[in-house]
């Protein structure tokens, strides 16, 4: 495999380094992700110059993702998973059907305009497969480019539901928000007549989460209410009190930002986490200590956490990432699955025709790191298992424990018409 990491000029704010998210207890309803920019320079892992006959010419793959800024942790997880997945799917050869896979990385900095420019440049240089997108806003800008230029596009952690069915060339290697909320609903049981309160921030992020819960759980017969806190609020006790006064059957917490520890302290002190079922999303390993003593009293929906699946493919992913010096985390499967999809697309669709590659992916069923997965032919939704969990221990000792595995049939999003 040939690997190229591009170098870019830092923006007006200067270069920034990758850092873990300090607070993320959220369910993304299509409004995830923002980042900053810094890119380094690295050589390729092969002396191959990219030449050769058409029968053996390299297949160029562009990874456009957040390598720096607030979402660098997600991008790093994706990249480590991708490398492990490519090694697994190519049997450590870096080749597919006789073609070397040439990977070029681009740091999009979470900036849609920059991502579009980088993607256009990659396409202009003969790249016919684009993958890696961490940011939902970026993904929604790249999807039309894929259709216009007839290139295969596989989004990564970007969870926006709007990617499903957006066009014939766009796929995803991670979950979408609807699957998150269906997983949360499984913790409530029969939703009909139940009272659900969404606790979130009064922002586009929070309002989108309220709308998504109303669509999914409200559509199942639940009464959905909300408590919205100003994003700048420091004292969150009044909002915890408001939630408790509503006497809900389930509290759905969608929260992002540095105030997360204060929120969970308030919910614990006001007895919310002991008086009703509280559900939120399980983010990456760095987020586990943020819940404090409330963590053991909260139910978590989980896209993934290391060890959740218990499958041979998951073991291969964990072993591959660890052997390379990485750390498996929340979005490791997104990268691993993307590599599996790319290899299958080339094997079944050929190395030069993205239209045939896309057709080859439609309806494909496979064993991914999370378990049995399928790409729905009609709209390219990635049907996949989801998980529920609890946290045991506090602080640095906090670790997730599996409550249940939901098969893909239990968390299938509604089918969307293909738009383009």
Protein backbone atom coordinates (compact mmCIF):
# COMPACT_ATOMS: atom_id res chain seq x y z
CA UNK A 1 0.00 0.00 0.00
CA UNK A 2 1.28 3.44 -0.90
CA UNK A 3 0.46 6.14 1.68
CA UNK A 4 0.69 9.87 1.03
CA UNK A 5 0.00 12.46 3.70
CA UNK A 6 -0.39 15.93 2.25
CA UNK A 7 0.86 19.17 3.74
CA UNK A 8 -1.29 22.28 3.86
CA UNK A 9 -0.83 25.88 4.93
CA UNK A 10 -2.34 26.67 8.34
CA UNK A 11 -5.21 29.13 8.40
CA UNK A 12 -5.27 32.54 10.10
CA UNK A 13 -5.52 31.01 13.55
CA UNK A 14 -2.25 29.17 13.07
CA UNK A 15 -1.58 25.46 13.35
CA UNK A 16 -3.26 23.32 15.98
CA UNK A 17 -2.52 19.84 17.23
CA UNK A 18 -4.77 16.83 17.61
CA UNK A 19 -6.49 16.61 20.94
CA UNK A 20 -9.12 14.37 22.49
CA UNK A 21 -12.64 15.65 22.94
CA UNK A 22 -12.98 16.69 26.55
CA UNK A 23 -16.74 16.39 26.66
CA UNK A 24 -19.08 14.45 24.46
CA UNK A 25 -22.20 12.81 25.78
CA UNK A 26 -24.41 13.20 22.77
CA UNK A 27 -26.72 11.62 20.28
CA UNK A 28 -26.05 13.22 16.93
CA UNK A 29 -29.13 13.93 14.90
CA UNK A 30 -27.22 15.07 11.86
CA UNK A 31 -25.45 18.01 13.49
CA UNK A 32 -22.11 16.54 14.54
CA UNK A 33 -18.64 17.67 14.22
CA UNK A 34 -16.37 20.65 13.69
CA UNK A 35 -12.61 20.90 13.55
CA UNK A 36 -9.45 22.98 13.05
CA UNK A 37 -6.55 22.54 10.68
CA UNK A 38 -3.03 21.29 10.78
CA UNK A 39 -1.41 18.79 8.48
CA UNK A 40 1.99 17.19 8.56
CA UNK A 41 4.14 15.70 5.86
CA UNK A 42 4.99 12.00 5.63
CA UNK A 43 6.49 9.83 2.99
CA UNK A 44 4.87 6.84 1.38
CA UNK A 45 5.35 3.31 2.55
CA UNK A 46 6.33 2.14 -0.89
CA UNK A 47 8.73 3.22 -3.60
CA UNK A 48 6.11 2.46 -6.25
CA UNK A 49 5.76 5.57 -8.43
CA UNK A 50 2.11 4.98 -9.34
CA UNK A 51 2.87 3.98 -12.90
CA UNK A 52 2.25 0.70 -14.65
CA UNK A 53 -0.24 -0.71 -17.10
CA UNK A 54 -3.98 -0.28 -16.64
CA UNK A 55 -4.18 -3.92 -15.60
CA UNK A 56 -1.92 -3.28 -12.61
CA UNK A 57 -2.10 0.49 -12.06
CA UNK A 58 -2.66 1.62 -8.48
CA UNK A 59 -6.15 2.38 -7.25
CA UNK A 60 -6.12 5.90 -5.80
CA UNK A 61 -8.09 6.41 -2.59
CA UNK A 62 -8.46 9.82 -0.93
CA UNK A 63 -9.10 10.02 2.82
CA UNK A 64 -10.60 13.44 3.59
CA UNK A 65 -11.04 13.67 7.36
CA UNK A 66 -10.30 15.68 10.52
CA UNK A 67 -6.68 15.01 11.32
CA UNK A 68 -6.41 18.03 13.66
CA UNK A 69 -8.57 20.22 15.86
CA UNK A 70 -11.35 19.25 18.28
CA UNK A 71 -12.36 16.21 16.24
CA UNK A 72 -8.85 14.93 15.70
CA UNK A 73 -9.58 12.16 18.20
CA UNK A 74 -12.36 10.89 15.93
CA UNK A 75 -10.20 11.19 12.85
CA UNK A 76 -7.38 9.30 14.51
CA UNK A 77 -9.73 6.49 15.52
CA UNK A 78 -11.06 6.28 11.97
CA UNK A 79 -7.59 6.22 10.42
CA UNK A 80 -6.30 3.51 12.74
CA UNK A 81 -9.37 1.42 11.98
CA UNK A 82 -8.94 2.00 8.24
CA UNK A 83 -5.33 0.83 8.26
CA UNK A 84 -6.26 -2.30 10.21
CA UNK A 85 -9.21 -2.94 7.88
CA UNK A 86 -7.14 -2.56 4.74
CA UNK A 87 -4.54 -4.98 6.07
CA UNK A 88 -7.29 -7.44 7.00
CA UNK A 89 -9.23 -7.20 3.73
CA UNK A 90 -6.12 -7.43 1.53
CA UNK A 91 -4.46 -10.17 3.63
CA UNK A 92 -1.62 -7.79 4.49
CA UNK A 93 -0.69 -7.23 0.85
CA UNK A 94 -2.10 -3.74 0.33
CA UNK A 95 -3.30 -4.98 -3.05
CA UNK A 96 -6.72 -5.71 -4.50
CA UNK A 97 -7.03 -7.83 -7.65
CA UNK A 98 -3.41 -7.08 -8.49
CA UNK A 99 -3.72 -3.33 -7.90
CA UNK A 100 -1.87 -1.50 -5.16
CA UNK A 101 -4.07 0.72 -3.04
CA UNK A 102 -2.57 4.22 -3.00
CA UNK A 103 -4.00 6.25 -0.10
CA UNK A 104 -3.71 10.04 0.06
CA UNK A 105 -4.71 11.73 3.31
CA UNK A 106 -6.15 15.23 3.43
CA UNK A 107 -6.93 17.13 6.63
CA UNK A 108 -10.18 18.99 5.91
CA UNK A 109 -10.09 20.86 9.26
CA UNK A 110 -13.85 20.37 9.57
CA UNK A 111 -14.25 23.10 6.95
CA UNK A 112 -16.68 22.19 4.12
CA UNK A 113 -15.08 24.65 1.69
CA UNK A 114 -11.62 23.23 2.33
CA UNK A 115 -12.92 19.67 2.04
CA UNK A 116 -14.57 20.47 -1.29
CA UNK A 117 -11.37 22.03 -2.64
CA UNK A 118 -9.28 19.07 -1.49
CA UNK A 119 -11.72 16.57 -2.94
CA UNK A 120 -11.80 18.37 -6.29
CA UNK A 121 -8.01 18.31 -6.33
CA UNK A 122 -7.94 14.58 -5.60
CA UNK A 123 -10.51 13.88 -8.31
CA UNK A 124 -8.50 15.99 -10.75
CA UNK A 125 -5.49 13.77 -10.04
CA UNK A 126 -7.39 10.60 -10.91
CA UNK A 127 -8.75 9.61 -7.51
CA UNK A 128 -11.98 7.69 -7.96
CA UNK A 129 -12.67 6.72 -4.32
CA UNK A 130 -13.12 9.26 -1.51
CA UNK A 131 -13.63 8.24 2.11
CA UNK A 132 -13.07 9.31 5.68
CA UNK A 133 -15.41 12.19 6.40
CA UNK A 134 -15.65 12.91 10.13
CA UNK A 135 -17.98 15.92 9.95
CA UNK A 136 -21.64 15.72 8.91
CA UNK A 137 -21.57 19.23 7.46
CA UNK A 138 -18.59 18.31 5.32
CA UNK A 139 -20.23 15.08 4.21
CA UNK A 140 -23.28 16.91 2.93
CA UNK A 141 -21.03 19.06 0.74
CA UNK A 142 -18.98 16.15 -0.62
CA UNK A 143 -21.95 13.96 -1.52
CA UNK A 144 -23.06 16.15 -4.47
CA UNK A 145 -19.46 16.21 -5.74
CA UNK A 146 -19.48 12.41 -5.82
CA UNK A 147 -22.54 12.35 -8.06
CA UNK A 148 -21.35 15.19 -10.29
CA UNK A 149 -17.95 13.58 -10.86
CA UNK A 150 -19.08 9.94 -10.70
CA UNK A 151 -16.69 8.93 -7.93
CA UNK A 152 -17.36 6.48 -5.11
CA UNK A 153 -17.81 8.30 -1.80
CA UNK A 154 -17.93 6.52 1.58
CA UNK A 155 -18.54 8.83 4.55
CA UNK A 156 -17.15 7.79 7.94
CA UNK A 157 -18.27 8.93 11.42
CA UNK A 158 -20.55 11.61 9.89
CA UNK A 159 -23.92 10.49 11.25
CA UNK A 160 -26.40 12.77 9.52
CA UNK A 161 -29.47 10.91 8.26
CA UNK A 162 -29.49 13.18 5.21
CA UNK A 163 -26.72 11.12 3.58
CA UNK A 164 -29.00 8.10 3.28
CA UNK A 165 -30.38 8.02 -0.25
CA UNK A 166 -28.71 11.29 -1.23
CA UNK A 167 -27.32 9.86 -4.49
CA UNK A 168 -26.17 6.67 -6.18
CA UNK A 169 -22.47 7.25 -5.44
CA UNK A 170 -22.66 8.03 -1.72
CA UNK A 171 -22.40 5.42 1.05
CA UNK A 172 -21.50 5.43 4.74
CA UNK A 173 -19.29 3.15 6.84
CA UNK A 174 -20.70 4.22 10.21
CA UNK A 175 -24.12 4.46 11.78
CA UNK A 176 -26.70 7.18 11.29
CA UNK A 177 -28.58 9.16 13.91
CA UNK A 178 -31.86 7.31 13.42
CA UNK A 179 -30.11 4.10 14.52
CA UNK A 180 -28.91 5.88 17.67
CA UNK A 181 -32.40 6.90 18.64
CA UNK A 182 -33.95 3.53 17.88
CA UNK A 183 -31.33 2.08 20.22
CA UNK A 184 -32.31 4.55 22.92
CA UNK A 185 -35.95 3.59 22.41
CA UNK A 186 -35.10 -0.04 23.07
CA UNK A 187 -34.15 0.96 26.62
CA UNK A 188 -37.61 2.45 27.14
CA UNK A 189 -39.50 -0.60 25.91
CA UNK A 190 -42.99 0.06 24.59
CA UNK A 191 -43.01 3.80 23.90
CA UNK A 192 -46.76 4.20 23.58
CA UNK A 193 -48.10 6.61 26.19
CA UNK A 194 -44.68 7.05 27.84
CA UNK A 195 -43.37 10.51 28.68
CA UNK A 196 -39.93 11.30 27.28
CA UNK A 197 -38.03 14.47 28.16
CA UNK A 198 -35.08 15.55 26.03
CA UNK A 199 -32.49 17.47 28.04
CA UNK A 200 -30.19 19.37 25.76
CA UNK A 201 -28.80 22.78 24.86
CA UNK A 202 -30.84 25.50 23.16
CA UNK A 203 -28.80 25.40 19.98
CA UNK A 204 -29.05 23.95 16.50
CA UNK A 205 -27.51 20.79 17.90
CA UNK A 206 -30.04 20.54 20.72
CA UNK A 207 -33.06 21.44 18.63
CA UNK A 208 -32.13 18.83 16.04
CA UNK A 209 -31.97 16.20 18.76
CA UNK A 210 -35.41 17.19 20.05
CA UNK A 211 -36.80 16.97 16.51
CA UNK A 212 -35.24 13.55 15.98
CA UNK A 213 -36.63 12.13 19.22
CA UNK A 214 -40.07 13.49 18.38
CA UNK A 215 -39.87 11.85 14.97
CA UNK A 216 -38.71 8.45 16.19
CA UNK A 217 -40.12 7.93 19.68
CA UNK A 218 -43.01 10.33 19.19
CA UNK A 219 -43.87 8.35 16.08
CA UNK A 220 -44.06 5.26 18.29
CA UNK A 221 -46.62 6.91 20.57
CA UNK A 222 -44.44 8.59 23.19
CA UNK A 223 -45.18 12.07 24.53
CA UNK A 224 -42.00 14.03 23.90
CA UNK A 225 -41.18 17.18 25.88
CA UNK A 226 -37.90 19.05 26.26
CA UNK A 227 -35.80 21.11 28.64
CA UNK A 228 -33.39 23.42 26.83
CA UNK A 229 -30.47 25.06 28.63
CA UNK A 230 -28.51 28.00 27.21
CA UNK A 231 -25.18 26.73 25.86
CA UNK A 232 -23.41 29.24 28.11
CA UNK A 233 -25.19 28.15 31.31
CA UNK A 234 -22.82 27.44 34.19
CA UNK A 235 -25.30 26.45 36.88
CA UNK A 236 -27.27 23.51 35.53
CA UNK A 237 -29.14 22.67 38.75
CA UNK A 238 -32.33 24.53 37.69
CA UNK A 239 -32.53 22.51 34.50
CA UNK A 240 -32.07 19.24 36.37
CA UNK A 241 -34.90 20.33 38.66
CA UNK A 242 -37.13 21.11 35.67
CA UNK A 243 -36.53 17.65 34.27
CA UNK A 244 -37.40 15.98 37.57
CA UNK A 245 -40.58 18.04 37.98
CA UNK A 246 -41.92 16.68 34.68
CA UNK A 247 -41.83 13.12 36.09
CA UNK A 248 -40.71 11.49 32.84
CA UNK A 249 -40.49 7.77 32.08
CA UNK A 250 -37.25 8.42 30.22
CA UNK A 251 -34.80 11.31 30.07
CA UNK A 252 -32.87 11.52 26.83
CA UNK A 253 -29.69 13.58 27.33
CA UNK A 254 -27.96 15.07 24.29
CA UNK A 255 -25.10 17.24 25.52
CA UNK A 256 -21.86 18.53 24.09
CA UNK A 257 -19.19 20.75 25.56
CA UNK A 258 -17.09 21.38 28.63
CA UNK A 259 -20.13 21.70 30.91
CA UNK A 260 -20.86 17.96 30.69
CA UNK A 261 -19.33 17.11 34.11
CA UNK A 262 -21.41 19.86 35.75
CA UNK A 263 -24.54 18.55 34.05
CA UNK A 264 -24.07 15.00 35.31
CA UNK A 265 -23.27 16.25 38.80
CA UNK A 266 -26.51 18.25 38.82
CA UNK A 267 -28.57 15.31 37.56
CA UNK A 268 -27.06 13.11 40.25
CA UNK A 269 -27.47 15.63 43.07
CA UNK A 270 -31.11 16.31 42.14
CA UNK A 271 -31.91 12.61 42.10
CA UNK A 272 -32.83 12.51 38.40
CA UNK A 273 -30.60 9.54 37.66
CA UNK A 274 -32.20 7.52 40.46
CA UNK A 275 -35.83 8.56 39.96
CA UNK A 276 -36.20 7.57 36.30
CA UNK A 277 -34.36 5.99 33.39
CA UNK A 278 -31.73 8.33 31.95
CA UNK A 279 -30.28 7.51 28.54
CA UNK A 280 -27.44 9.11 26.60
CA UNK A 281 -24.91 8.16 24.00
CA UNK A 282 -21.65 6.48 24.94
CA UNK A 283 -18.88 8.48 23.33
CA UNK A 284 -15.16 7.67 23.23
CA UNK A 285 -12.94 6.39 26.01
CA UNK A 286 -11.93 9.93 26.97
CA UNK A 287 -15.54 10.72 27.90
CA UNK A 288 -16.02 7.92 30.45
CA UNK A 289 -14.69 9.85 33.50
CA UNK A 290 -16.96 12.85 32.75
CA UNK A 291 -20.04 11.16 34.20
CA UNK A 292 -18.61 10.93 37.70
CA UNK A 293 -20.72 9.01 40.19
CA UNK A 294 -23.76 9.36 37.89
CA UNK A 295 -22.18 7.08 35.31
CA UNK A 296 -23.18 3.84 37.00
CA UNK A 297 -26.83 5.00 37.15
CA UNK A 298 -27.17 5.95 33.47
CA UNK A 299 -28.11 3.70 30.54
CA UNK A 300 -26.06 4.14 27.39
CA UNK A 301 -26.80 3.51 23.76
CA UNK A 302 -23.59 2.69 21.97
CA UNK A 303 -22.52 2.73 18.37
CA UNK A 304 -19.49 0.78 19.52
CA UNK A 305 -16.97 0.28 22.32
CA UNK A 306 -14.02 -2.11 22.30
CA UNK A 307 -15.16 -5.65 23.04
CA UNK A 308 -18.86 -4.95 22.41
CA UNK A 309 -19.28 -7.24 19.41
CA UNK A 310 -17.28 -10.31 20.40
CA UNK A 311 -16.79 -11.38 16.78
CA UNK A 312 -13.71 -12.76 14.98
CA UNK A 313 -13.65 -9.69 12.72
CA UNK A 314 -13.74 -7.40 15.74
CA UNK A 315 -10.81 -9.32 17.21
CA UNK A 316 -8.89 -8.87 13.97
CA UNK A 317 -9.59 -5.13 14.15
CA UNK A 318 -8.55 -4.85 17.80
CA UNK A 319 -5.41 -6.89 17.23
CA UNK A 320 -4.49 -4.91 14.09
CA UNK A 321 -4.89 -1.52 15.75
CA UNK A 322 -3.04 -2.58 18.89
CA UNK A 323 -0.19 -4.18 16.94
CA UNK A 324 0.31 -0.89 15.09
CA UNK A 325 0.55 1.01 18.38
CA UNK A 326 -2.97 2.44 18.25
CA UNK A 327 -5.88 2.36 20.67
CA UNK A 328 -9.29 0.97 19.61
CA UNK A 329 -12.15 3.37 20.31
CA UNK A 330 -15.61 4.57 19.29
CA UNK A 331 -15.01 5.12 15.57
CA UNK A 332 -12.50 2.36 14.90
CA UNK A 333 -15.20 0.28 13.11
CA UNK A 334 -16.04 3.17 10.77
CA UNK A 335 -12.53 3.09 9.35
CA UNK A 336 -12.24 -0.70 9.32
CA UNK A 337 -15.59 -1.09 7.56
CA UNK A 338 -14.69 1.59 5.00
CA UNK A 339 -11.62 -0.41 4.03
CA UNK A 340 -13.72 -3.57 3.71
CA UNK A 341 -16.17 -1.72 1.47
CA UNK A 342 -13.44 -0.28 -0.73
CA UNK A 343 -11.79 -3.67 -1.21
CA UNK A 344 -15.10 -5.31 -2.07
CA UNK A 345 -16.01 -2.50 -4.47
CA UNK A 346 -12.74 -2.96 -6.38
CA UNK A 347 -12.89 -6.75 -6.35
CA UNK A 348 -16.50 -6.91 -7.53
CA UNK A 349 -16.76 -3.74 -9.58
CA UNK A 350 -13.31 -3.34 -11.07
CA UNK A 351 -10.53 -0.87 -10.41
CA UNK A 352 -11.51 1.87 -12.85
CA UNK A 353 -15.30 2.27 -12.89
CA UNK A 354 -16.86 3.94 -9.81
CA UNK A 355 -20.35 3.32 -11.18
CA UNK A 356 -19.67 -0.41 -11.19
CA UNK A 357 -18.05 -0.13 -7.76
CA UNK A 358 -21.19 1.50 -6.36
CA UNK A 359 -23.40 -1.17 -7.89
CA UNK A 360 -21.18 -3.85 -6.37
CA UNK A 361 -21.75 -2.41 -2.90
CA UNK A 362 -25.53 -2.26 -3.19
CA UNK A 363 -27.09 -5.12 -1.27
CA UNK A 364 -23.73 -6.45 -0.08
CA UNK A 365 -23.95 -8.45 3.17
CA UNK A 366 -20.76 -9.00 5.11
CA UNK A 367 -19.21 -9.63 8.51
CA UNK A 368 -17.98 -6.31 9.84
CA UNK A 369 -16.29 -5.66 13.17
CA UNK A 370 -19.71 -5.02 14.78
CA UNK A 371 -21.26 -8.23 13.41
CA UNK A 372 -23.62 -8.94 10.50
CA UNK A 373 -23.96 -5.86 8.32
CA UNK A 374 -25.67 -5.06 5.03
CA UNK A 375 -25.70 -2.13 2.63
CA UNK A 376 -29.32 -1.56 1.71
CA UNK A 377 -29.50 -1.40 -2.07
CA UNK A 378 -32.37 1.06 -2.26
CA UNK A 379 -30.77 3.96 -0.35
CA UNK A 380 -27.31 2.81 0.81
CA UNK A 381 -28.17 2.80 4.52
CA UNK A 382 -25.66 0.66 6.39
CA UNK A 383 -27.72 -1.79 8.40
CA UNK A 384 -25.73 -2.89 11.43
CA UNK A 385 -26.00 -4.00 15.04
CA UNK A 386 -26.09 -1.47 17.86
CA UNK A 387 -25.34 -1.89 21.55
CA UNK A 388 -26.56 -0.84 24.98
CA UNK A 389 -24.21 -0.51 27.92
CA UNK A 390 -23.61 0.73 31.44
CA UNK A 391 -20.51 2.17 33.06
CA UNK A 392 -18.83 0.40 35.93
CA UNK A 393 -16.39 2.31 38.10
CA UNK A 394 -15.70 6.04 38.19
CA UNK A 395 -13.00 8.38 37.02
CA UNK A 396 -10.12 6.79 35.19
CA UNK A 397 -11.41 3.36 36.23
CA UNK A 398 -14.75 3.77 34.42
CA UNK A 399 -15.32 1.08 31.80
CA UNK A 400 -18.37 0.11 29.74
CA UNK A 401 -20.12 -3.19 30.29
CA UNK A 402 -22.41 -4.65 27.66
CA UNK A 403 -26.13 -4.77 28.43
CA UNK A 404 -27.35 -5.99 25.07
CA UNK A 405 -26.69 -6.34 21.36
CA UNK A 406 -29.42 -5.20 19.00
CA UNK A 407 -29.31 -7.00 15.63
CA UNK A 408 -29.48 -4.83 12.54
CA UNK A 409 -33.14 -5.76 11.95
CA UNK A 410 -34.06 -4.16 15.29
CA UNK A 411 -32.51 -0.78 14.48
CA UNK A 412 -33.26 -0.39 10.78
CA UNK A 413 -33.88 3.21 9.69
CA UNK A 414 -36.80 3.92 7.35
CA UNK A 415 -36.04 3.50 3.68
CA UNK A 416 -35.44 6.72 1.76
CA UNK A 417 -36.00 7.34 -1.96
CA UNK A 418 -32.76 7.73 -3.89
CA UNK A 419 -32.50 11.40 -4.77
CA UNK A 420 -29.84 11.37 -7.42
